[in-house]
Amino acid sequence: FQQAGFVERVASVLAVSALPPRLLELELTESILVHDADEALARLRALKRLGLRLSIDDFGTGYSSLAYLKRFPIGRLKIDRSFVQGLPGDETDAGIVRAILQMSLALGMQVIAEGVETEQQREFLVREGCAEMQGFLYAPALDPLSFEQRLAQAGADEPGAAQAGSGHAGQRIRLVRG
C-alpha cells in the first residue's frame, strides 16, 4: 500500500484480469493508514475512484483515530477476534464491541466480526446489530484447493451459493464469480 505506484498497479491488475472493481475489497490495517495519513488518504480516494471496496482489518488493535476514520473513504470495519473471543461473558469485550458497532453505524460503515466460534458469540453479535460474521462457527479456513472444491460443489448444488458450514438455516456464503 505504501509503495509508489500501488494504485496504478491495482488498476493494471484489474484491467488485465477483467475483474469488476466492485468485487475487490482491500483490507488495510490501522497502522498502515496512520503511517502517513495524508498520503494514505490520497491513495484511498484514488482506490475508491477505481470502484474498489475498502475495509479496516483487525479494528481496535492498532492506532485507532476517530478523526482519520471519519476522513478516510472506508466502507467496512472488521472487529478483531481478540474482542469477540470473550463474548458474551466478558463485559469489557462486550462494551468494546458495542462501541465499535455504534461508531460504525454513526459513520455509515458496515461491520464484520472476526473469529466467531460459538453460538453464544453469534447470538450476542446479532442482538447488538452486527449483520456480518466470519469464523469457525461458519466454516474453517480453507487452502486454495479446498476452496476451489467448495466453489465447484456450490455451483453443482445451487448456482451462486454455498450453504454455510454451521447448519444455520438461511445463512449462506455467497460465492461470486467474476
Protein backbone atom coordinates (compact mmCIF):
# COMPACT_ATOMS: atom_id res chain seq x y z
CA PHE A 1 0.00 0.00 0.00
CA GLN A 2 2.84 2.37 0.83
CA GLN A 3 4.85 1.63 -2.32
CA ALA A 4 4.93 4.19 -5.10
CA GLY A 5 2.68 3.15 -7.95
CA PHE A 6 0.45 0.92 -5.81
CA VAL A 7 -2.82 2.41 -7.11
CA GLU A 8 -1.62 2.18 -10.70
CA ARG A 9 -0.62 -1.48 -10.17
CA VAL A 10 -4.05 -2.30 -8.77
CA ALA A 11 -5.69 -0.58 -11.75
CA SER A 12 -3.46 -2.54 -14.13
CA VAL A 13 -4.23 -5.89 -12.49
CA LEU A 14 -7.94 -5.13 -12.61
CA ALA A 15 -7.69 -4.28 -16.31
CA VAL A 16 -5.67 -7.41 -17.18
CA SER A 17 -7.89 -9.73 -15.15
CA ALA A 18 -11.14 -8.06 -16.26
CA LEU A 19 -12.28 -8.27 -12.63
CA PRO A 20 -15.01 -5.71 -11.91
CA PRO A 21 -13.50 -3.39 -9.26
CA ARG A 22 -16.60 -3.66 -7.03
CA LEU A 23 -15.68 -7.33 -6.45
CA LEU A 24 -12.32 -6.44 -4.94
CA GLU A 25 -12.15 -5.40 -1.29
CA LEU A 26 -8.81 -4.35 0.11
CA GLU A 27 -8.34 -4.88 3.84
CA LEU A 28 -5.90 -2.46 5.41
CA THR A 29 -4.63 -2.27 8.95
CA GLU A 30 -4.97 0.87 11.05
CA SER A 31 -1.20 1.21 11.42
CA ILE A 32 -0.74 1.43 7.62
CA LEU A 33 -3.32 4.19 7.42
CA VAL A 34 -1.82 6.43 10.10
CA HIS A 35 1.81 5.99 8.98
CA ASP A 36 1.43 8.94 6.59
CA ALA A 37 -2.22 9.90 6.89
CA ASP A 38 -2.28 12.47 4.08
CA GLU A 39 -0.64 10.08 1.61
CA ALA A 40 -2.92 7.26 2.78
CA LEU A 41 -5.97 9.46 2.28
CA ALA A 42 -4.89 10.31 -1.27
CA ARG A 43 -4.34 6.61 -2.10
CA LEU A 44 -7.61 5.56 -0.51
CA ARG A 45 -9.52 8.15 -2.50
CA ALA A 46 -7.81 7.01 -5.71
CA LEU A 47 -8.68 3.37 -4.96
CA LYS A 48 -12.27 4.36 -4.20
CA ARG A 49 -12.45 6.19 -7.56
CA LEU A 50 -11.40 2.91 -9.22
CA GLY A 51 -14.51 1.36 -7.64
CA LEU A 52 -12.83 -0.85 -5.04
CA ARG A 53 -14.29 -1.55 -1.61
CA LEU A 54 -12.07 -0.69 1.35
CA SER A 55 -12.08 -2.03 4.89
CA ILE A 56 -10.01 -1.78 8.03
CA ASP A 57 -8.94 -5.19 9.31
CA ASP A 58 -8.40 -6.03 12.98
CA PHE A 59 -10.08 -2.79 14.03
CA GLY A 60 -9.30 -1.64 17.54
CA THR A 61 -5.90 -3.31 17.85
CA GLY A 62 -3.80 -0.59 16.20
CA TYR A 63 -3.74 3.14 16.32
CA SER A 64 -7.42 3.93 16.13
CA SER A 65 -8.12 7.55 15.37
CA LEU A 66 -11.71 8.65 15.00
CA ALA A 67 -10.58 11.73 13.07
CA TYR A 68 -8.87 9.52 10.47
CA LEU A 69 -11.74 7.10 10.40
CA LYS A 70 -14.12 9.95 9.63
CA ARG A 71 -11.91 11.28 6.80
CA PHE A 72 -10.97 8.00 5.09
CA PRO A 73 -13.34 6.52 2.47
CA ILE A 74 -13.65 3.22 4.34
CA GLY A 75 -16.82 1.19 3.95
CA ARG A 76 -16.28 -1.58 6.48
CA LEU A 77 -14.63 -2.27 9.82
CA LYS A 78 -13.60 -5.76 10.84
CA ILE A 79 -13.82 -6.26 14.60
CA ASP A 80 -10.70 -8.11 15.69
CA ARG A 81 -11.19 -11.62 17.01
CA SER A 82 -9.50 -10.66 20.29
CA PHE A 83 -12.65 -8.68 21.19
CA VAL A 84 -15.00 -11.44 20.02
CA GLN A 85 -13.31 -14.25 21.99
CA GLY A 86 -14.66 -13.13 25.36
CA LEU A 87 -18.24 -12.63 24.20
CA PRO A 88 -20.76 -12.65 25.69
CA GLY A 89 -19.39 -13.01 29.24
CA ASP A 90 -16.53 -10.53 29.26
CA GLU A 91 -18.07 -7.11 29.94
CA THR A 92 -15.01 -5.26 28.66
CA ASP A 93 -15.11 -7.08 25.30
CA ALA A 94 -18.88 -6.62 25.14
CA GLY A 95 -18.51 -2.89 25.77
CA ILE A 96 -15.80 -2.52 23.13
CA VAL A 97 -17.85 -4.43 20.54
CA ARG A 98 -20.95 -2.35 21.30
CA ALA A 99 -18.91 0.85 20.93
CA ILE A 100 -17.46 -0.25 17.59
CA LEU A 101 -20.94 -1.17 16.33
CA GLN A 102 -22.41 2.18 17.42
CA MET A 103 -19.50 4.14 15.99
CA SER A 104 -19.68 2.34 12.64
CA LEU A 105 -23.42 2.99 12.49
CA ALA A 106 -22.82 6.70 13.07
CA LEU A 107 -20.16 6.74 10.34
CA GLY A 108 -22.28 4.78 7.87
CA MET A 109 -19.93 1.79 7.80
CA GLN A 110 -20.63 -1.91 7.68
CA VAL A 111 -19.09 -4.17 10.32
CA ILE A 112 -17.91 -7.76 10.21
CA ALA A 113 -16.93 -9.62 13.36
CA GLU A 114 -13.93 -11.92 13.01
CA GLY A 115 -13.32 -15.13 14.92
CA VAL A 116 -16.91 -16.13 15.70
CA GLU A 117 -16.63 -19.66 17.08
CA THR A 118 -19.67 -20.22 19.30
CA GLU A 119 -23.41 -19.89 19.04
CA GLN A 120 -23.34 -17.60 22.11
CA GLN A 121 -20.97 -15.20 20.36
CA ARG A 122 -23.17 -15.21 17.25
CA GLU A 123 -26.32 -14.56 19.29
CA PHE A 124 -24.69 -11.64 21.13
CA LEU A 125 -23.47 -10.08 17.89
CA VAL A 126 -26.85 -10.44 16.19
CA ARG A 127 -28.62 -8.95 19.21
CA GLU A 128 -26.21 -5.98 19.14
CA GLY A 129 -26.79 -5.37 15.43
CA CYS A 130 -23.79 -6.99 13.77
CA ALA A 131 -25.01 -8.37 10.45
CA GLU A 132 -21.80 -10.00 9.16
CA MET A 133 -19.54 -12.53 10.84
CA GLN A 134 -16.78 -14.91 9.97
CA GLY A 135 -15.11 -17.68 11.88
CA PHE A 136 -15.04 -21.39 12.56
CA LEU A 137 -18.72 -21.40 13.53
CA TYR A 138 -19.45 -20.93 9.83
CA ALA A 139 -16.52 -22.58 8.07
CA PRO A 140 -12.89 -23.45 8.71
CA ALA A 141 -10.06 -21.65 6.97
CA LEU A 142 -9.54 -23.24 3.57
CA ASP A 143 -6.43 -23.80 1.50
CA PRO A 144 -6.78 -22.84 -2.21
CA LEU A 145 -7.55 -26.38 -3.40
CA SER A 146 -10.27 -26.89 -0.77
CA PHE A 147 -11.77 -23.51 -1.66
CA GLU A 148 -11.88 -24.45 -5.35
CA GLN A 149 -13.56 -27.74 -4.44
CA ARG A 150 -16.13 -25.95 -2.29
CA LEU A 151 -16.74 -23.44 -5.08
CA ALA A 152 -17.26 -26.27 -7.58
CA GLN A 153 -19.64 -28.04 -5.18
CA ALA A 154 -21.59 -24.81 -4.64
CA GLY A 155 -22.00 -24.50 -8.39
CA ALA A 156 -23.28 -28.07 -8.58
CA ASP A 157 -25.71 -27.67 -5.67
CA GLU A 158 -27.14 -24.24 -6.41
CA PRO A 159 -25.69 -21.65 -8.78
CA GLY A 160 -24.07 -18.78 -6.86
CA ALA A 161 -24.46 -20.00 -3.28
CA ALA A 162 -22.94 -22.46 -0.84
CA GLN A 163 -24.52 -23.44 2.45
CA ALA A 164 -22.55 -22.25 5.45
CA GLY A 165 -20.84 -24.98 7.40
CA SER A 166 -22.71 -24.21 10.62
CA GLY A 167 -26.10 -25.54 9.69
CA HIS A 168 -27.85 -22.24 10.49
CA ALA A 169 -30.95 -22.09 8.33
CA GLY A 170 -30.93 -19.27 5.83
CA GLN A 171 -27.29 -18.33 6.32
CA ARG A 172 -25.33 -18.63 3.14
CA ILE A 173 -21.89 -17.89 1.85
CA ARG A 174 -22.17 -16.01 -1.42
CA LEU A 175 -19.52 -17.08 -3.87
CA VAL A 176 -19.32 -14.51 -6.64
CA ARG A 177 -17.85 -15.43 -9.96
CA GLY A 178 -16.31 -12.58 -11.98
